[in-house]
N, C-alpha and C. Protein backbone atom coordinates (compact mmCIF):
# COMPACT_ATOMS: atom_id res chain seq x y z
N MET A 1 34.13 6.12 -2.42
CA MET A 1 32.57 5.82 -1.76
C MET A 1 31.71 5.57 -2.63
N SER A 2 30.96 6.22 -3.25
CA SER A 2 29.96 6.38 -4.29
C SER A 2 30.29 6.87 -5.82
N ASP A 3 29.81 6.37 -7.03
CA ASP A 3 30.33 6.95 -8.53
C ASP A 3 29.54 8.20 -8.11
N SER A 4 28.28 8.02 -7.51
CA SER A 4 27.42 9.64 -7.58
C SER A 4 27.81 10.68 -6.73
N LEU A 5 29.05 10.53 -6.33
CA LEU A 5 29.39 11.52 -5.54
C LEU A 5 30.03 12.85 -6.37
N GLN A 6 29.32 14.03 -6.52
CA GLN A 6 29.99 15.04 -7.66
C GLN A 6 30.26 16.30 -6.69
N PRO A 7 31.33 16.91 -6.60
CA PRO A 7 31.34 17.97 -6.24
C PRO A 7 30.04 19.12 -6.81
N ARG A 8 29.63 20.43 -6.19
CA ARG A 8 28.66 21.26 -6.81
C ARG A 8 29.16 22.34 -6.13
N GLY A 9 28.84 23.56 -6.50
CA GLY A 9 29.25 24.97 -6.39
C GLY A 9 29.27 25.28 -4.69
N ASN A 10 27.79 24.58 -4.53
CA ASN A 10 27.88 24.89 -2.81
C ASN A 10 28.12 23.68 -1.52
N GLY A 11 29.29 22.95 -2.42
CA GLY A 11 29.58 22.04 -1.63
C GLY A 11 29.65 20.40 -2.34
N ALA A 12 29.57 19.18 -1.77
CA ALA A 12 29.67 18.09 -2.67
C ALA A 12 28.15 17.43 -2.44
N SER A 13 27.80 16.91 -3.36
CA SER A 13 26.70 15.91 -3.14
C SER A 13 27.08 14.72 -3.98
N PHE A 14 26.01 13.53 -3.27
CA PHE A 14 25.91 12.49 -3.99
C PHE A 14 24.61 12.66 -5.60
N GLY A 15 24.55 11.50 -6.07
CA GLY A 15 23.58 11.85 -7.42
C GLY A 15 23.59 13.07 -8.03
N ALA A 16 24.29 14.04 -8.09
CA ALA A 16 23.96 15.23 -8.64
C ALA A 16 23.91 14.94 -9.68
N GLN A 17 24.67 14.08 -10.53
CA GLN A 17 24.65 14.10 -12.08
C GLN A 17 23.49 13.40 -12.89
N PHE A 18 22.44 12.35 -12.11
CA PHE A 18 21.47 12.15 -12.24
C PHE A 18 19.98 13.34 -12.45
N ASP A 19 19.98 13.30 -13.54
CA ASP A 19 18.79 14.41 -14.06
C ASP A 19 17.49 13.66 -14.17
N ALA A 20 16.08 14.50 -13.80
CA ALA A 20 15.38 13.21 -13.83
C ALA A 20 14.54 12.94 -14.91
N ALA A 21 14.65 10.96 -15.35
CA ALA A 21 13.80 10.28 -16.23
C ALA A 21 12.82 10.55 -16.35
N ALA A 22 11.86 10.19 -17.46
CA ALA A 22 10.55 10.29 -17.39
C ALA A 22 10.62 8.68 -17.46
N PRO A 23 9.34 7.95 -16.76
CA PRO A 23 9.20 6.38 -16.41
C PRO A 23 8.90 6.12 -17.94
N HIS A 24 8.85 5.40 -18.41
CA HIS A 24 8.73 4.64 -19.57
C HIS A 24 7.22 3.94 -19.14
N GLU A 25 6.90 3.51 -20.57
CA GLU A 25 5.71 2.39 -20.73
C GLU A 25 5.81 0.87 -19.68
N ASN A 26 6.96 0.06 -20.36
CA ASN A 26 7.46 -0.52 -19.78
C ASN A 26 7.83 -0.36 -18.18
N PRO A 27 7.66 -1.04 -17.35
CA PRO A 27 8.04 -0.62 -15.59
C PRO A 27 8.82 -1.13 -15.45
N LEU A 28 9.59 -2.18 -16.35
CA LEU A 28 11.47 -2.35 -16.05
C LEU A 28 11.63 -1.34 -16.93
N ASP A 29 12.03 -0.65 -17.42
CA ASP A 29 12.41 0.40 -17.98
C ASP A 29 12.43 1.59 -17.13
N SER A 30 11.62 1.34 -15.72
CA SER A 30 11.50 3.11 -15.21
C SER A 30 12.47 3.15 -15.02
N THR A 31 12.91 4.68 -14.18
CA THR A 31 13.88 4.68 -13.41
C THR A 31 12.84 6.04 -12.87
N MET A 32 13.41 6.88 -11.48
CA MET A 32 13.05 7.66 -10.70
C MET A 32 14.09 8.58 -10.02
N VAL A 33 13.72 9.73 -10.02
CA VAL A 33 14.81 10.23 -9.31
C VAL A 33 14.46 11.28 -8.20
N MET A 34 14.15 11.16 -7.00
CA MET A 34 13.84 11.82 -5.91
C MET A 34 14.24 12.94 -5.20
N GLU A 35 14.07 14.21 -5.34
CA GLU A 35 14.93 15.17 -4.55
C GLU A 35 15.12 14.93 -3.10
N ILE A 36 16.08 15.22 -2.51
CA ILE A 36 16.00 14.69 -1.03
C ILE A 36 16.87 15.65 -0.46
N ASP A 37 17.46 16.29 0.46
CA ASP A 37 18.22 17.13 1.31
C ASP A 37 18.83 16.16 2.84
N ILE A 38 19.48 15.29 2.46
CA ILE A 38 19.78 14.66 3.80
C ILE A 38 21.87 14.79 3.63
N PRO A 39 21.70 15.75 5.40
CA PRO A 39 23.33 15.64 5.33
C PRO A 39 23.83 14.82 5.38
N TRP A 40 25.05 14.49 4.86
CA TRP A 40 25.47 13.01 5.08
C TRP A 40 27.51 13.23 5.27
N GLN A 41 27.70 12.96 6.18
CA GLN A 41 29.61 13.50 6.43
C GLN A 41 30.03 14.72 5.94
N SER A 42 29.31 15.76 6.40
CA SER A 42 29.90 16.92 5.64
C SER A 42 29.55 17.32 4.04
N GLN A 43 28.74 16.73 3.87
CA GLN A 43 28.51 16.50 2.49
C GLN A 43 26.75 16.69 2.75
N ARG A 44 26.18 17.04 1.18
CA ARG A 44 24.66 16.80 1.24
C ARG A 44 24.19 15.57 -0.10
N VAL A 45 23.18 14.86 0.37
CA VAL A 45 22.66 14.03 -0.34
C VAL A 45 21.34 14.76 -1.10
N THR A 46 21.32 15.08 -2.10
CA THR A 46 20.03 16.07 -3.09
C THR A 46 18.87 14.90 -3.91
N ARG A 47 19.73 13.89 -4.55
CA ARG A 47 18.75 13.16 -5.07
C ARG A 47 19.42 11.59 -5.27
N LEU A 48 17.78 11.05 -5.02
CA LEU A 48 17.86 9.56 -5.02
C LEU A 48 17.18 8.88 -6.54
N ASN A 49 18.57 8.54 -6.73
CA ASN A 49 17.77 7.68 -8.35
C ASN A 49 17.53 6.07 -8.23
N LEU A 50 16.64 6.02 -8.52
CA LEU A 50 16.00 4.43 -8.57
C LEU A 50 15.54 3.72 -9.52
N LYS A 51 15.82 2.61 -9.65
CA LYS A 51 15.45 1.70 -10.81
C LYS A 51 14.99 0.36 -10.13
N GLU A 52 15.01 -0.37 -11.39
CA GLU A 52 14.55 -1.76 -11.29
C GLU A 52 16.11 -2.25 -10.31
N PRO A 53 15.79 -3.30 -9.55
CA PRO A 53 16.73 -3.76 -8.55
C PRO A 53 17.04 -4.85 -9.63
N THR A 54 18.87 -4.92 -9.28
CA THR A 54 19.31 -6.31 -9.99
C THR A 54 18.80 -7.47 -9.03
N ALA A 55 19.23 -8.59 -9.27
CA ALA A 55 18.86 -9.77 -8.41
C ALA A 55 20.10 -10.09 -7.14
N GLY A 56 21.35 -9.22 -7.42
CA GLY A 56 21.97 -9.25 -6.23
C GLY A 56 20.94 -8.24 -4.80
N GLN A 57 20.71 -7.42 -5.67
CA GLN A 57 20.24 -6.23 -4.88
C GLN A 57 19.32 -6.32 -3.41
N TYR A 58 17.79 -7.40 -4.78
CA TYR A 58 17.18 -7.34 -4.51
C TYR A 58 16.96 -9.10 -3.47
N GLU A 59 17.95 -9.79 -3.49
CA GLU A 59 18.65 -10.91 -2.72
C GLU A 59 19.45 -10.14 -0.90
N ARG A 60 19.83 -9.28 -1.56
CA ARG A 60 20.28 -8.55 0.01
C ARG A 60 19.11 -7.65 0.98
N ALA A 61 18.56 -7.16 0.02
CA ALA A 61 17.37 -6.83 0.66
C ALA A 61 16.45 -7.81 1.39
N LEU A 62 16.18 -8.98 0.85
CA LEU A 62 15.50 -9.95 1.51
C LEU A 62 16.04 -10.66 2.71
N ARG A 63 17.56 -11.02 2.24
CA ARG A 63 18.43 -10.95 4.10
C ARG A 63 17.41 -10.65 5.41
N GLU A 64 17.16 -9.33 5.44
CA GLU A 64 16.08 -8.54 6.33
C GLU A 64 15.20 -9.25 6.80
N VAL A 65 14.19 -10.25 5.96
CA VAL A 65 13.35 -10.35 6.57
C VAL A 65 13.23 -12.55 6.78
N GLN A 66 14.35 -12.96 6.78
CA GLN A 66 14.91 -14.02 7.09
C GLN A 66 14.09 -14.27 8.59
N ALA A 67 14.30 -13.60 9.71
CA ALA A 67 14.05 -13.55 10.92
C ALA A 67 12.39 -13.75 10.75
N GLY A 68 11.59 -13.27 10.00
CA GLY A 68 10.10 -13.21 10.27
C GLY A 68 9.67 -11.75 9.14
N THR A 69 8.97 -11.44 9.96
CA THR A 69 7.80 -9.98 8.79
C THR A 69 7.06 -9.41 9.37
N ASP A 70 7.81 -9.17 10.42
CA ASP A 70 7.21 -7.96 11.56
C ASP A 70 7.32 -6.59 10.99
N ALA A 71 6.75 -5.66 11.59
CA ALA A 71 6.52 -4.29 11.05
C ALA A 71 8.36 -3.66 11.25
N HIS A 72 9.19 -4.10 12.04
CA HIS A 72 10.65 -4.02 11.88
C HIS A 72 10.99 -4.46 10.98
N THR A 73 11.18 -5.77 11.03
CA THR A 73 12.00 -6.42 9.90
C THR A 73 11.54 -5.57 7.92
N ILE A 74 10.25 -5.55 8.24
CA ILE A 74 9.36 -5.02 6.59
C ILE A 74 10.13 -3.40 6.41
N GLN A 75 10.40 -2.75 7.46
CA GLN A 75 11.17 -1.63 7.38
C GLN A 75 12.64 -1.43 7.27
N ARG A 76 12.83 -2.65 7.77
CA ARG A 76 14.20 -2.71 7.10
C ARG A 76 14.78 -3.02 6.30
N TYR A 77 13.97 -4.14 5.43
CA TYR A 77 14.05 -4.85 4.03
C TYR A 77 13.55 -3.24 3.16
N LYS A 78 12.81 -2.43 3.50
CA LYS A 78 12.43 -1.24 2.68
C LYS A 78 13.45 -0.56 2.44
N ILE A 79 14.00 -0.16 3.76
CA ILE A 79 15.61 0.88 3.80
C ILE A 79 16.32 -0.12 2.79
N THR A 80 16.63 -1.01 3.19
CA THR A 80 17.87 -1.91 2.59
C THR A 80 17.89 -1.91 0.90
N LEU A 81 16.73 -2.43 1.18
CA LEU A 81 16.71 -2.16 -0.85
C LEU A 81 16.29 -1.08 -0.94
N ILE A 82 16.17 0.29 -0.68
CA ILE A 82 16.53 1.55 -1.62
C ILE A 82 17.96 1.88 -1.47
N ALA A 83 18.20 1.79 -0.29
CA ALA A 83 19.94 1.78 -0.13
C ALA A 83 20.72 1.25 -1.32
N GLU A 84 20.40 -0.19 -1.64
CA GLU A 84 21.20 -0.94 -2.54
C GLU A 84 20.57 -0.39 -4.04
N VAL A 85 19.70 0.24 -4.11
CA VAL A 85 19.30 0.54 -5.41
C VAL A 85 20.09 1.67 -5.87
N ALA A 86 19.69 2.56 -5.18
CA ALA A 86 20.24 4.15 -4.98
C ALA A 86 21.73 4.19 -4.97
N ASN A 87 22.17 3.11 -4.45
CA ASN A 87 23.70 2.93 -4.34
C ASN A 87 24.70 3.94 -2.97
N LEU A 88 23.52 4.09 -2.32
CA LEU A 88 24.14 4.55 -0.92
C LEU A 88 24.14 4.04 0.16
N PRO A 89 24.82 4.54 1.26
CA PRO A 89 25.09 3.84 2.42
C PRO A 89 23.75 4.26 3.00
N ARG A 90 23.60 2.89 3.95
CA ARG A 90 22.14 2.37 4.34
C ARG A 90 21.74 4.14 5.60
N GLN A 91 22.82 4.27 6.28
CA GLN A 91 22.64 5.88 6.76
C GLN A 91 21.65 6.57 6.63
N VAL A 92 22.11 6.84 5.50
CA VAL A 92 21.18 8.16 4.31
C VAL A 92 19.58 7.95 4.53
N ILE A 93 19.38 6.31 3.56
CA ILE A 93 18.09 6.56 3.92
C ILE A 93 17.48 6.44 5.44
N GLU A 94 17.90 6.03 5.74
CA GLU A 94 17.23 5.99 7.32
C GLU A 94 16.88 7.67 7.89
N ARG A 95 17.87 8.24 7.47
CA ARG A 95 17.87 9.87 7.38
C ARG A 95 16.43 10.78 7.06
N MET A 96 15.81 9.80 5.72
CA MET A 96 14.99 10.45 5.09
C MET A 96 13.59 10.15 6.01
N ARG A 97 12.89 11.02 5.55
CA ARG A 97 11.14 11.02 6.24
C ARG A 97 10.50 9.74 6.00
N ALA A 98 9.73 9.27 6.79
CA ALA A 98 9.17 8.43 6.58
C ALA A 98 8.56 8.28 5.38
N SER A 99 7.73 9.40 5.07
CA SER A 99 6.59 9.31 4.08
C SER A 99 7.79 9.01 2.35
N ASP A 100 8.90 9.75 2.61
CA ASP A 100 9.67 9.52 1.11
C ASP A 100 10.06 8.11 1.28
N VAL A 101 10.52 7.81 2.20
CA VAL A 101 10.87 6.38 2.32
C VAL A 101 10.15 5.23 1.19
N GLU A 102 8.66 5.51 2.00
CA GLU A 102 7.23 4.73 1.37
C GLU A 102 7.28 5.15 -0.02
N LYS A 103 6.98 6.52 -0.62
CA LYS A 103 7.37 6.28 -1.87
C LYS A 103 8.42 6.26 -2.80
N ALA A 104 9.57 5.77 -2.20
CA ALA A 104 10.38 4.94 -2.74
C ALA A 104 10.17 3.57 -2.62
N PHE A 105 9.58 3.03 -1.65
CA PHE A 105 9.53 1.63 -2.25
C PHE A 105 8.24 1.60 -2.88
N LEU A 106 7.06 2.44 -2.84
CA LEU A 106 6.64 2.00 -3.69
C LEU A 106 6.11 2.12 -5.04
N PHE A 107 7.38 3.14 -5.62
CA PHE A 107 7.80 2.90 -6.88
C PHE A 107 8.60 1.48 -7.27
N LEU A 108 9.41 1.16 -5.94
CA LEU A 108 10.16 -0.48 -6.63
C LEU A 108 9.51 -1.23 -6.18
N ALA A 109 8.46 -1.24 -5.74
CA ALA A 109 7.49 -2.88 -5.53
C ALA A 109 7.47 -3.45 -6.68
N PRO A 110 6.45 -2.61 -7.69
CA PRO A 110 6.03 -3.15 -8.93
C PRO A 110 7.03 -3.59 -9.46
N LEU A 111 8.49 -3.69 -9.49
CA LEU A 111 9.67 -3.69 -10.33
C LEU A 111 10.45 -5.26 -9.73
N LEU A 112 9.60 -5.71 -8.81
CA LEU A 112 10.23 -6.84 -7.86
C LEU A 112 9.69 -8.27 -8.26
N PRO A 113 10.48 -9.31 -8.43
CA PRO A 113 9.73 -10.53 -8.54
C PRO A 113 8.66 -10.92 -7.79
N GLY A 114 7.48 -11.41 -8.73
CA GLY A 114 6.46 -11.73 -7.90
C GLY A 114 5.67 -10.83 -7.16
N PHE A 115 5.89 -9.76 -7.51
CA PHE A 115 5.04 -8.46 -6.82
C PHE A 115 3.15 -8.79 -7.15
N GLN A 116 2.84 -8.72 -6.71
CA GLN A 116 1.11 -8.26 -6.92
C GLN A 116 0.56 -7.12 -5.92
N ALA A 117 -0.04 -6.21 -6.89
CA ALA A 117 -0.44 -4.96 -6.16
C ALA A 117 -1.97 -5.53 -5.41
N THR A 118 -1.75 -4.81 -4.35
CA THR A 118 -2.42 -4.67 -2.92
C THR A 118 -3.23 -3.10 -3.23
N SER A 119 -4.08 -2.88 -2.16
CA SER A 119 -4.45 -1.64 -2.13
C SER A 119 -3.35 -0.39 -1.37
N GLU A 120 -2.59 -1.37 -0.79
CA GLU A 120 -1.40 -0.47 -0.34
C GLU A 120 -0.49 -0.05 -0.91
N THR A 121 -0.35 -0.70 -1.88
CA THR A 121 1.20 -0.66 -2.81
C THR A 121 0.44 -0.32 -4.63
N SER A 122 -0.82 0.29 -4.58
CA SER A 122 -0.97 0.86 -5.49
C SER A 122 -1.22 1.90 -5.49
N GLN A 123 -0.62 3.11 -6.64
CA GLN A 123 -0.50 4.19 -6.70
C GLN A 123 -1.37 4.81 -7.28
N PRO A 124 -2.37 5.63 -6.49
CA PRO A 124 -2.94 6.46 -7.64
C PRO A 124 -2.93 7.43 -8.81
N THR A 125 -3.28 7.28 -9.99
CA THR A 125 -2.53 7.57 -11.13
C THR A 125 -3.18 9.34 -11.78
């Protein structure tokens, strides 16, 4: 399934081998590890590893907004982008809290081509 599937003492989980990485000054070198706890197919997803999307990951996410940019398609775009970058099934991301999905997307947004900061995507420091 996923290269990040690793057994743990209390059962198996996705992403167990990723350690928290300190963000670099260059945003294109940034990574973020989010601690999550999502049950998935008799296992637990415990970490979400995020980094700059590849062109293919970005393109697959953009397919979600081909039909328009209403709230539903924008949310599908965010979920697809996060799932692609984290190398996790889309259904795992769909089970995350909405605030965690937004936090993950706000991390990824500045790493996307053509990104322009707005009050919605600017994070307080």
